[in-house]
Amino acid sequence: AAKVNGETWDANRPIQTDASVQLLTWNDAEGKNTFWHSSA
């Protein structure tokens, strides 16, 4: 997933404006959270 301006987004969601972006992996809490929500 990706954190865009502090909000967690789908990794493939288009970004239309200037933004701060953090790429989330299994090593990030938000990455695990997204993984497990998708697993549900």
ModelCIF file with pLDDT and N, C-alpha, C, O atoms, coordinates in Angstrom:
data_MODEL
#
_entry.id   MODEL 
#
_entity.id                         1 
_entity.type                       polymer 
_entity.pdbx_number_of_molecules   1 
#
_entity_poly.entity_id                      1 
_entity_poly.type                           'polypeptide(L)' 
_entity_poly.nstd_linkage                   no 
_entity_poly.nstd_monomer                   no 
_entity_poly.pdbx_seq_one_letter_code       AAKVNGETWDANRPIQTDASVQLLTWNDAEGKNTFWHSSA 
_entity_poly.pdbx_seq_one_letter_code_can   AAKVNGETWDANRPIQTDASVQLLTWNDAEGKNTFWHSSA 
_entity_poly.pdbx_strand_id                 A 
#
loop_
_entity_poly_seq.entity_id 
_entity_poly_seq.num 
_entity_poly_seq.mon_id 
_entity_poly_seq.hetero 
1 1  ALA n 
1 2  ALA n 
1 3  LYS n 
1 4  VAL n 
1 5  ASN n 
1 6  GLY n 
1 7  GLU n 
1 8  THR n 
1 9  TRP n 
1 10 ASP n 
1 11 ALA n 
1 12 ASN n 
1 13 ARG n 
1 14 PRO n 
1 15 ILE n 
1 16 GLN n 
1 17 THR n 
1 18 ASP n 
1 19 ALA n 
1 20 SER n 
1 21 VAL n 
1 22 GLN n 
1 23 LEU n 
1 24 LEU n 
1 25 THR n 
1 26 TRP n 
1 27 ASN n 
1 28 ASP n 
1 29 ALA n 
1 30 GLU n 
1 31 GLY n 
1 32 LYS n 
1 33 ASN n 
1 34 THR n 
1 35 PHE n 
1 36 TRP n 
1 37 HIS n 
1 38 SER n 
1 39 SER n 
1 40 ALA n 
#
_struct_asym.id          A 
_struct_asym.entity_id   1 
#
loop_
_ma_qa_metric.id 
_ma_qa_metric.mode 
_ma_qa_metric.name 
_ma_qa_metric.software_group_id 
_ma_qa_metric.type 
1 global pLDDT . pLDDT 
2 local  pLDDT . pLDDT 
#
_ma_qa_metric_global.metric_id      1 
_ma_qa_metric_global.metric_value   94.15 
_ma_qa_metric_global.model_id       1 
_ma_qa_metric_global.ordinal_id     1 
#
loop_
_ma_qa_metric_local.label_asym_id 
_ma_qa_metric_local.label_comp_id 
_ma_qa_metric_local.label_seq_id 
_ma_qa_metric_local.metric_id 
_ma_qa_metric_local.metric_value 
_ma_qa_metric_local.model_id 
_ma_qa_metric_local.ordinal_id 
A ALA 1  2 95.00 1 1  
A ALA 2  2 94.00 1 2  
A LYS 3  2 94.00 1 3  
A VAL 4  2 93.00 1 4  
A ASN 5  2 92.00 1 5  
A GLY 6  2 87.00 1 6  
A GLU 7  2 91.00 1 7  
A THR 8  2 94.00 1 8  
A TRP 9  2 95.00 1 9  
A ASP 10 2 95.00 1 10 
A ALA 11 2 94.00 1 11 
A ASN 12 2 93.00 1 12 
A ARG 13 2 94.00 1 13 
A PRO 14 2 94.00 1 14 
A ILE 15 2 94.00 1 15 
A GLN 16 2 93.00 1 16 
A THR 17 2 93.00 1 17 
A ASP 18 2 92.00 1 18 
A ALA 19 2 93.00 1 19 
A SER 20 2 93.00 1 20 
A VAL 21 2 93.00 1 21 
A GLN 22 2 94.00 1 22 
A LEU 23 2 95.00 1 23 
A LEU 24 2 95.00 1 24 
A THR 25 2 95.00 1 25 
A TRP 26 2 96.00 1 26 
A ASN 27 2 93.00 1 27 
A ASP 28 2 93.00 1 28 
A ALA 29 2 90.00 1 29 
A GLU 30 2 94.00 1 30 
A GLY 31 2 95.00 1 31 
A LYS 32 2 96.00 1 32 
A ASN 33 2 96.00 1 33 
A THR 34 2 96.00 1 34 
A PHE 35 2 97.00 1 35 
A TRP 36 2 97.00 1 36 
A HIS 37 2 97.00 1 37 
A SER 38 2 97.00 1 38 
A SER 39 2 97.00 1 39 
A ALA 40 2 97.00 1 40 
#
loop_
_atom_site.group_PDB 
_atom_site.id 
_atom_site.type_symbol 
_atom_site.label_atom_id 
_atom_site.label_alt_id 
_atom_site.label_comp_id 
_atom_site.label_asym_id 
_atom_site.label_entity_id 
_atom_site.label_seq_id 
_atom_site.pdbx_PDB_ins_code 
_atom_site.Cartn_x 
_atom_site.Cartn_y 
_atom_site.Cartn_z 
_atom_site.occupancy 
_atom_site.B_iso_or_equiv 
_atom_site.pdbx_formal_charge 
_atom_site.auth_seq_id 
_atom_site.auth_comp_id 
_atom_site.auth_asym_id 
_atom_site.auth_atom_id 
_atom_site.pdbx_PDB_model_num 
ATOM 1   N N  . ALA A 1 1  ? 0.867   -1.181  0.000  1.00 95.00 ? 1  ALA A N  1 
ATOM 2   C CA . ALA A 1 1  ? 0.000   0.000   0.000  1.00 95.00 ? 1  ALA A CA 1 
ATOM 3   C C  . ALA A 1 1  ? 0.902   1.229   0.000  1.00 95.00 ? 1  ALA A C  1 
ATOM 4   O O  . ALA A 1 1  ? 2.126   1.106   0.029  1.00 95.00 ? 1  ALA A O  1 
ATOM 5   N N  . ALA A 1 2  ? 0.299   2.403   -0.033 1.00 94.00 ? 2  ALA A N  1 
ATOM 6   C CA . ALA A 1 2  ? 1.069   3.647   -0.010 1.00 94.00 ? 2  ALA A CA 1 
ATOM 7   C C  . ALA A 1 2  ? 0.396   4.630   0.933  1.00 94.00 ? 2  ALA A C  1 
ATOM 8   O O  . ALA A 1 2  ? -0.829  4.753   0.950  1.00 94.00 ? 2  ALA A O  1 
ATOM 9   N N  . LYS A 1 3  ? 1.204   5.324   1.713  1.00 94.00 ? 3  LYS A N  1 
ATOM 10  C CA . LYS A 1 3  ? 0.666   6.379   2.568  1.00 94.00 ? 3  LYS A CA 1 
ATOM 11  C C  . LYS A 1 3  ? 0.837   7.696   1.828  1.00 94.00 ? 3  LYS A C  1 
ATOM 12  O O  . LYS A 1 3  ? 1.959   8.143   1.586  1.00 94.00 ? 3  LYS A O  1 
ATOM 13  N N  . VAL A 1 4  ? -0.278  8.310   1.471  1.00 93.00 ? 4  VAL A N  1 
ATOM 14  C CA . VAL A 1 4  ? -0.286  9.545   0.678  1.00 93.00 ? 4  VAL A CA 1 
ATOM 15  C C  . VAL A 1 4  ? -0.777  10.681  1.564  1.00 93.00 ? 4  VAL A C  1 
ATOM 16  O O  . VAL A 1 4  ? -1.934  10.701  1.985  1.00 93.00 ? 4  VAL A O  1 
ATOM 17  N N  . ASN A 1 5  ? 0.120   11.632  1.844  1.00 92.00 ? 5  ASN A N  1 
ATOM 18  C CA . ASN A 1 5  ? -0.205  12.756  2.743  1.00 92.00 ? 5  ASN A CA 1 
ATOM 19  C C  . ASN A 1 5  ? -0.801  12.249  4.062  1.00 92.00 ? 5  ASN A C  1 
ATOM 20  O O  . ASN A 1 5  ? -1.759  12.813  4.590  1.00 92.00 ? 5  ASN A O  1 
ATOM 21  N N  . GLY A 1 6  ? -0.202  11.165  4.576  1.00 87.00 ? 6  GLY A N  1 
ATOM 22  C CA . GLY A 1 6  ? -0.605  10.635  5.876  1.00 87.00 ? 6  GLY A CA 1 
ATOM 23  C C  . GLY A 1 6  ? -1.770  9.682   5.850  1.00 87.00 ? 6  GLY A C  1 
ATOM 24  O O  . GLY A 1 6  ? -2.121  9.130   6.893  1.00 87.00 ? 6  GLY A O  1 
ATOM 25  N N  . GLU A 1 7  ? -2.401  9.458   4.681  1.00 91.00 ? 7  GLU A N  1 
ATOM 26  C CA . GLU A 1 7  ? -3.549  8.562   4.576  1.00 91.00 ? 7  GLU A CA 1 
ATOM 27  C C  . GLU A 1 7  ? -3.153  7.327   3.776  1.00 91.00 ? 7  GLU A C  1 
ATOM 28  O O  . GLU A 1 7  ? -2.515  7.443   2.730  1.00 91.00 ? 7  GLU A O  1 
ATOM 29  N N  . THR A 1 8  ? -3.529  6.140   4.264  1.00 94.00 ? 8  THR A N  1 
ATOM 30  C CA . THR A 1 8  ? -3.159  4.901   3.580  1.00 94.00 ? 8  THR A CA 1 
ATOM 31  C C  . THR A 1 8  ? -4.081  4.647   2.391  1.00 94.00 ? 8  THR A C  1 
ATOM 32  O O  . THR A 1 8  ? -5.305  4.624   2.527  1.00 94.00 ? 8  THR A O  1 
ATOM 33  N N  . TRP A 1 9  ? -3.464  4.455   1.215  1.00 95.00 ? 9  TRP A N  1 
ATOM 34  C CA . TRP A 1 9  ? -4.180  4.240   -0.044 1.00 95.00 ? 9  TRP A CA 1 
ATOM 35  C C  . TRP A 1 9  ? -3.812  2.882   -0.623 1.00 95.00 ? 9  TRP A C  1 
ATOM 36  O O  . TRP A 1 9  ? -2.826  2.259   -0.230 1.00 95.00 ? 9  TRP A O  1 
ATOM 37  N N  . ASP A 1 10 ? -4.657  2.433   -1.592 1.00 95.00 ? 10 ASP A N  1 
ATOM 38  C CA . ASP A 1 10 ? -4.254  1.303   -2.424 1.00 95.00 ? 10 ASP A CA 1 
ATOM 39  C C  . ASP A 1 10 ? -2.963  1.663   -3.150 1.00 95.00 ? 10 ASP A C  1 
ATOM 40  O O  . ASP A 1 10 ? -2.768  2.810   -3.550 1.00 95.00 ? 10 ASP A O  1 
ATOM 41  N N  . ALA A 1 11 ? -2.094  0.692   -3.315 1.00 94.00 ? 11 ALA A N  1 
ATOM 42  C CA . ALA A 1 11 ? -0.814  0.945   -3.982 1.00 94.00 ? 11 ALA A CA 1 
ATOM 43  C C  . ALA A 1 11 ? -0.996  1.353   -5.436 1.00 94.00 ? 11 ALA A C  1 
ATOM 44  O O  . ALA A 1 11 ? -0.137  2.029   -6.001 1.00 94.00 ? 11 ALA A O  1 
ATOM 45  N N  . ASN A 1 12 ? -2.117  0.946   -6.056 1.00 93.00 ? 12 ASN A N  1 
ATOM 46  C CA . ASN A 1 12 ? -2.333  1.285   -7.469 1.00 93.00 ? 12 ASN A CA 1 
ATOM 47  C C  . ASN A 1 12 ? -3.335  2.418   -7.681 1.00 93.00 ? 12 ASN A C  1 
ATOM 48  O O  . ASN A 1 12 ? -3.807  2.629   -8.798 1.00 93.00 ? 12 ASN A O  1 
ATOM 49  N N  . ARG A 1 13 ? -3.663  3.153   -6.606 1.00 94.00 ? 13 ARG A N  1 
ATOM 50  C CA . ARG A 1 13 ? -4.599  4.276   -6.743 1.00 94.00 ? 13 ARG A CA 1 
ATOM 51  C C  . ARG A 1 13 ? -3.873  5.492   -7.300 1.00 94.00 ? 13 ARG A C  1 
ATOM 52  O O  . ARG A 1 13 ? -2.796  5.828   -6.807 1.00 94.00 ? 13 ARG A O  1 
ATOM 53  N N  . PRO A 1 14 ? -4.420  6.165   -8.307 1.00 94.00 ? 14 PRO A N  1 
ATOM 54  C CA . PRO A 1 14 ? -3.737  7.310   -8.936 1.00 94.00 ? 14 PRO A CA 1 
ATOM 55  C C  . PRO A 1 14 ? -3.603  8.500   -7.988 1.00 94.00 ? 14 PRO A C  1 
ATOM 56  O O  . PRO A 1 14 ? -4.521  8.817   -7.232 1.00 94.00 ? 14 PRO A O  1 
ATOM 57  N N  . ILE A 1 15 ? -2.451  9.145   -8.044 1.00 94.00 ? 15 ILE A N  1 
ATOM 58  C CA . ILE A 1 15 ? -2.179  10.358  -7.254 1.00 94.00 ? 15 ILE A CA 1 
ATOM 59  C C  . ILE A 1 15 ? -2.210  11.535  -8.225 1.00 94.00 ? 15 ILE A C  1 
ATOM 60  O O  . ILE A 1 15 ? -1.465  11.548  -9.205 1.00 94.00 ? 15 ILE A O  1 
ATOM 61  N N  . GLN A 1 16 ? -3.063  12.521  -7.963 1.00 93.00 ? 16 GLN A N  1 
ATOM 62  C CA . GLN A 1 16 ? -3.290  13.588  -8.938 1.00 93.00 ? 16 GLN A CA 1 
ATOM 63  C C  . GLN A 1 16 ? -2.615  14.906  -8.586 1.00 93.00 ? 16 GLN A C  1 
ATOM 64  O O  . GLN A 1 16 ? -2.527  15.792  -9.435 1.00 93.00 ? 16 GLN A O  1 
ATOM 65  N N  . THR A 1 17 ? -2.135  15.057  -7.354 1.00 93.00 ? 17 THR A N  1 
ATOM 66  C CA . THR A 1 17 ? -1.539  16.331  -6.929 1.00 93.00 ? 17 THR A CA 1 
ATOM 67  C C  . THR A 1 17 ? -0.203  16.080  -6.235 1.00 93.00 ? 17 THR A C  1 
ATOM 68  O O  . THR A 1 17 ? 0.135   14.944  -5.903 1.00 93.00 ? 17 THR A O  1 
ATOM 69  N N  . ASP A 1 18 ? 0.551   17.163  -6.023 1.00 92.00 ? 18 ASP A N  1 
ATOM 70  C CA . ASP A 1 18 ? 1.792   17.043  -5.256 1.00 92.00 ? 18 ASP A CA 1 
ATOM 71  C C  . ASP A 1 18 ? 1.482   16.355  -3.919 1.00 92.00 ? 18 ASP A C  1 
ATOM 72  O O  . ASP A 1 18 ? 0.456   16.633  -3.298 1.00 92.00 ? 18 ASP A O  1 
ATOM 73  N N  . ALA A 1 19 ? 2.368   15.465  -3.483 1.00 93.00 ? 19 ALA A N  1 
ATOM 74  C CA . ALA A 1 19 ? 2.065   14.699  -2.267 1.00 93.00 ? 19 ALA A CA 1 
ATOM 75  C C  . ALA A 1 19 ? 3.331   14.165  -1.629 1.00 93.00 ? 19 ALA A C  1 
ATOM 76  O O  . ALA A 1 19 ? 4.354   13.970  -2.286 1.00 93.00 ? 19 ALA A O  1 
ATOM 77  N N  . SER A 1 20 ? 3.231   13.931  -0.307 1.00 93.00 ? 20 SER A N  1 
ATOM 78  C CA . SER A 1 20 ? 4.249   13.164  0.414  1.00 93.00 ? 20 SER A CA 1 
ATOM 79  C C  . SER A 1 20 ? 3.815   11.709  0.372  1.00 93.00 ? 20 SER A C  1 
ATOM 80  O O  . SER A 1 20 ? 2.667   11.391  0.683  1.00 93.00 ? 20 SER A O  1 
ATOM 81  N N  . VAL A 1 21 ? 4.724   10.830  -0.008 1.00 93.00 ? 21 VAL A N  1 
ATOM 82  C CA . VAL A 1 21 ? 4.361   9.421   -0.208 1.00 93.00 ? 21 VAL A CA 1 
ATOM 83  C C  . VAL A 1 21 ? 5.338   8.513   0.529  1.00 93.00 ? 21 VAL A C  1 
ATOM 84  O O  . VAL A 1 21 ? 6.554   8.658   0.412  1.00 93.00 ? 21 VAL A O  1 
ATOM 85  N N  . GLN A 1 22 ? 4.786   7.583   1.285  1.00 94.00 ? 22 GLN A N  1 
ATOM 86  C CA . GLN A 1 22 ? 5.576   6.516   1.913  1.00 94.00 ? 22 GLN A CA 1 
ATOM 87  C C  . GLN A 1 22 ? 5.081   5.193   1.364  1.00 94.00 ? 22 GLN A C  1 
ATOM 88  O O  . GLN A 1 22 ? 3.884   4.910   1.413  1.00 94.00 ? 22 GLN A O  1 
ATOM 89  N N  . LEU A 1 23 ? 5.984   4.382   0.842  1.00 95.00 ? 23 LEU A N  1 
ATOM 90  C CA . LEU A 1 23 ? 5.630   3.078   0.291  1.00 95.00 ? 23 LEU A CA 1 
ATOM 91  C C  . LEU A 1 23 ? 5.634   2.057   1.423  1.00 95.00 ? 23 LEU A C  1 
ATOM 92  O O  . LEU A 1 23 ? 6.627   1.912   2.136  1.00 95.00 ? 23 LEU A O  1 
ATOM 93  N N  . LEU A 1 24 ? 4.525   1.354   1.581  1.00 95.00 ? 24 LEU A N  1 
ATOM 94  C CA . LEU A 1 24 ? 4.327   0.471   2.726  1.00 95.00 ? 24 LEU A CA 1 
ATOM 95  C C  . LEU A 1 24 ? 4.534   -0.987  2.334  1.00 95.00 ? 24 LEU A C  1 
ATOM 96  O O  . LEU A 1 24 ? 4.007   -1.457  1.326  1.00 95.00 ? 24 LEU A O  1 
ATOM 97  N N  . THR A 1 25 ? 5.314   -1.692  3.154  1.00 95.00 ? 25 THR A N  1 
ATOM 98  C CA . THR A 1 25 ? 5.565   -3.115  2.942  1.00 95.00 ? 25 THR A CA 1 
ATOM 99  C C  . THR A 1 25 ? 5.135   -3.888  4.180  1.00 95.00 ? 25 THR A C  1 
ATOM 100 O O  . THR A 1 25 ? 4.550   -3.323  5.104  1.00 95.00 ? 25 THR A O  1 
ATOM 101 N N  . TRP A 1 26 ? 5.427   -5.183  4.192  1.00 96.00 ? 26 TRP A N  1 
ATOM 102 C CA . TRP A 1 26 ? 5.111   -6.027  5.338  1.00 96.00 ? 26 TRP A CA 1 
ATOM 103 C C  . TRP A 1 26 ? 5.800   -5.548  6.609  1.00 96.00 ? 26 TRP A C  1 
ATOM 104 O O  . TRP A 1 26 ? 5.348   -5.861  7.711  1.00 96.00 ? 26 TRP A O  1 
ATOM 105 N N  . ASN A 1 27 ? 6.881   -4.800  6.475  1.00 93.00 ? 27 ASN A N  1 
ATOM 106 C CA . ASN A 1 27 ? 7.623   -4.314  7.637  1.00 93.00 ? 27 ASN A CA 1 
ATOM 107 C C  . ASN A 1 27 ? 6.965   -3.119  8.308  1.00 93.00 ? 27 ASN A C  1 
ATOM 108 O O  . ASN A 1 27 ? 7.397   -2.705  9.383  1.00 93.00 ? 27 ASN A O  1 
ATOM 109 N N  . ASP A 1 28 ? 5.926   -2.555  7.696  1.00 93.00 ? 28 ASP A N  1 
ATOM 110 C CA . ASP A 1 28 ? 5.220   -1.402  8.250  1.00 93.00 ? 28 ASP A CA 1 
ATOM 111 C C  . ASP A 1 28 ? 3.896   -1.851  8.861  1.00 93.00 ? 28 ASP A C  1 
ATOM 112 O O  . ASP A 1 28 ? 3.222   -2.724  8.314  1.00 93.00 ? 28 ASP A O  1 
ATOM 113 N N  . ALA A 1 29 ? 3.525   -1.258  9.990  1.00 90.00 ? 29 ALA A N  1 
ATOM 114 C CA . ALA A 1 29 ? 2.263   -1.621  10.642 1.00 90.00 ? 29 ALA A CA 1 
ATOM 115 C C  . ALA A 1 29 ? 1.080   -1.406  9.703  1.00 90.00 ? 29 ALA A C  1 
ATOM 116 O O  . ALA A 1 29 ? 0.165   -2.227  9.653  1.00 90.00 ? 29 ALA A O  1 
ATOM 117 N N  . GLU A 1 30 ? 1.101   -0.292  8.953  1.00 94.00 ? 30 GLU A N  1 
ATOM 118 C CA . GLU A 1 30 ? -0.001  -0.016  8.028  1.00 94.00 ? 30 GLU A CA 1 
ATOM 119 C C  . GLU A 1 30 ? -0.016  -1.016  6.880  1.00 94.00 ? 30 GLU A C  1 
ATOM 120 O O  . GLU A 1 30 ? -1.076  -1.334  6.341  1.00 94.00 ? 30 GLU A O  1 
ATOM 121 N N  . GLY A 1 31 ? 1.169   -1.515  6.504  1.00 95.00 ? 31 GLY A N  1 
ATOM 122 C CA . GLY A 1 31 ? 1.243   -2.534  5.464  1.00 95.00 ? 31 GLY A CA 1 
ATOM 123 C C  . GLY A 1 31 ? 0.605   -3.833  5.925  1.00 95.00 ? 31 GLY A C  1 
ATOM 124 O O  . GLY A 1 31 ? -0.171  -4.445  5.191  1.00 95.00 ? 31 GLY A O  1 
ATOM 125 N N  . LYS A 1 32 ? 0.934   -4.254  7.149  1.00 96.00 ? 32 LYS A N  1 
ATOM 126 C CA . LYS A 1 32 ? 0.317   -5.466  7.703  1.00 96.00 ? 32 LYS A CA 1 
ATOM 127 C C  . LYS A 1 32 ? -1.192  -5.291  7.825  1.00 96.00 ? 32 LYS A C  1 
ATOM 128 O O  . LYS A 1 32 ? -1.956  -6.198  7.496  1.00 96.00 ? 32 LYS A O  1 
ATOM 129 N N  . ASN A 1 33 ? -1.618  -4.125  8.299  1.00 96.00 ? 33 ASN A N  1 
ATOM 130 C CA . ASN A 1 33 ? -3.044  -3.859  8.463  1.00 96.00 ? 33 ASN A CA 1 
ATOM 131 C C  . ASN A 1 33 ? -3.778  -4.013  7.137  1.00 96.00 ? 33 ASN A C  1 
ATOM 132 O O  . ASN A 1 33 ? -4.849  -4.618  7.084  1.00 96.00 ? 33 ASN A O  1 
ATOM 133 N N  . THR A 1 34 ? -3.199  -3.461  6.057  1.00 96.00 ? 34 THR A N  1 
ATOM 134 C CA . THR A 1 34 ? -3.811  -3.569  4.730  1.00 96.00 ? 34 THR A CA 1 
ATOM 135 C C  . THR A 1 34 ? -3.843  -5.026  4.273  1.00 96.00 ? 34 THR A C  1 
ATOM 136 O O  . THR A 1 34 ? -4.841  -5.488  3.719  1.00 96.00 ? 34 THR A O  1 
ATOM 137 N N  . PHE A 1 35 ? -2.755  -5.740  4.507  1.00 97.00 ? 35 PHE A N  1 
ATOM 138 C CA . PHE A 1 35 ? -2.645  -7.148  4.126  1.00 97.00 ? 35 PHE A CA 1 
ATOM 139 C C  . PHE A 1 35 ? -3.744  -7.965  4.806  1.00 97.00 ? 35 PHE A C  1 
ATOM 140 O O  . PHE A 1 35 ? -4.396  -8.791  4.167  1.00 97.00 ? 35 PHE A O  1 
ATOM 141 N N  . TRP A 1 36 ? -3.944  -7.732  6.101  1.00 97.00 ? 36 TRP A N  1 
ATOM 142 C CA . TRP A 1 36 ? -4.913  -8.529  6.846  1.00 97.00 ? 36 TRP A CA 1 
ATOM 143 C C  . TRP A 1 36 ? -6.345  -8.127  6.535  1.00 97.00 ? 36 TRP A C  1 
ATOM 144 O O  . TRP A 1 36 ? -7.243  -8.969  6.560  1.00 97.00 ? 36 TRP A O  1 
ATOM 145 N N  . HIS A 1 37 ? -6.572  -6.845  6.239  1.00 97.00 ? 37 HIS A N  1 
ATOM 146 C CA . HIS A 1 37 ? -7.921  -6.452  5.826  1.00 97.00 ? 37 HIS A CA 1 
ATOM 147 C C  . HIS A 1 37 ? -8.268  -7.100  4.488  1.00 97.00 ? 37 HIS A C  1 
ATOM 148 O O  . HIS A 1 37 ? -9.395  -7.553  4.288  1.00 97.00 ? 37 HIS A O  1 
ATOM 149 N N  . SER A 1 38 ? -7.305  -7.141  3.580  1.00 97.00 ? 38 SER A N  1 
ATOM 150 C CA . SER A 1 38 ? -7.522  -7.804  2.289  1.00 97.00 ? 38 SER A CA 1 
ATOM 151 C C  . SER A 1 38 ? -7.756  -9.295  2.489  1.00 97.00 ? 38 SER A C  1 
ATOM 152 O O  . SER A 1 38 ? -8.527  -9.910  1.752  1.00 97.00 ? 38 SER A O  1 
ATOM 153 N N  . SER A 1 39 ? -7.096  -9.873  3.479  1.00 97.00 ? 39 SER A N  1 
ATOM 154 C CA . SER A 1 39 ? -7.275  -11.300 3.773  1.00 97.00 ? 39 SER A CA 1 
ATOM 155 C C  . SER A 1 39 ? -8.685  -11.585 4.282  1.00 97.00 ? 39 SER A C  1 
ATOM 156 O O  . SER A 1 39 ? -9.243  -12.648 4.009  1.00 97.00 ? 39 SER A O  1 
ATOM 157 N N  . ALA A 1 40 ? -9.261  -10.637 5.022  1.00 97.00 ? 40 ALA A N  1 
ATOM 158 C CA . ALA A 1 40 ? -10.647 -10.800 5.470  1.00 97.00 ? 40 ALA A CA 1 
ATOM 159 C C  . ALA A 1 40 ? -11.575 -10.890 4.264  1.00 97.00 ? 40 ALA A C  1 
ATOM 160 O O  . ALA A 1 40 ? -12.787 -11.030 4.427  1.00 97.00 ? 40 ALA A O  1 
#
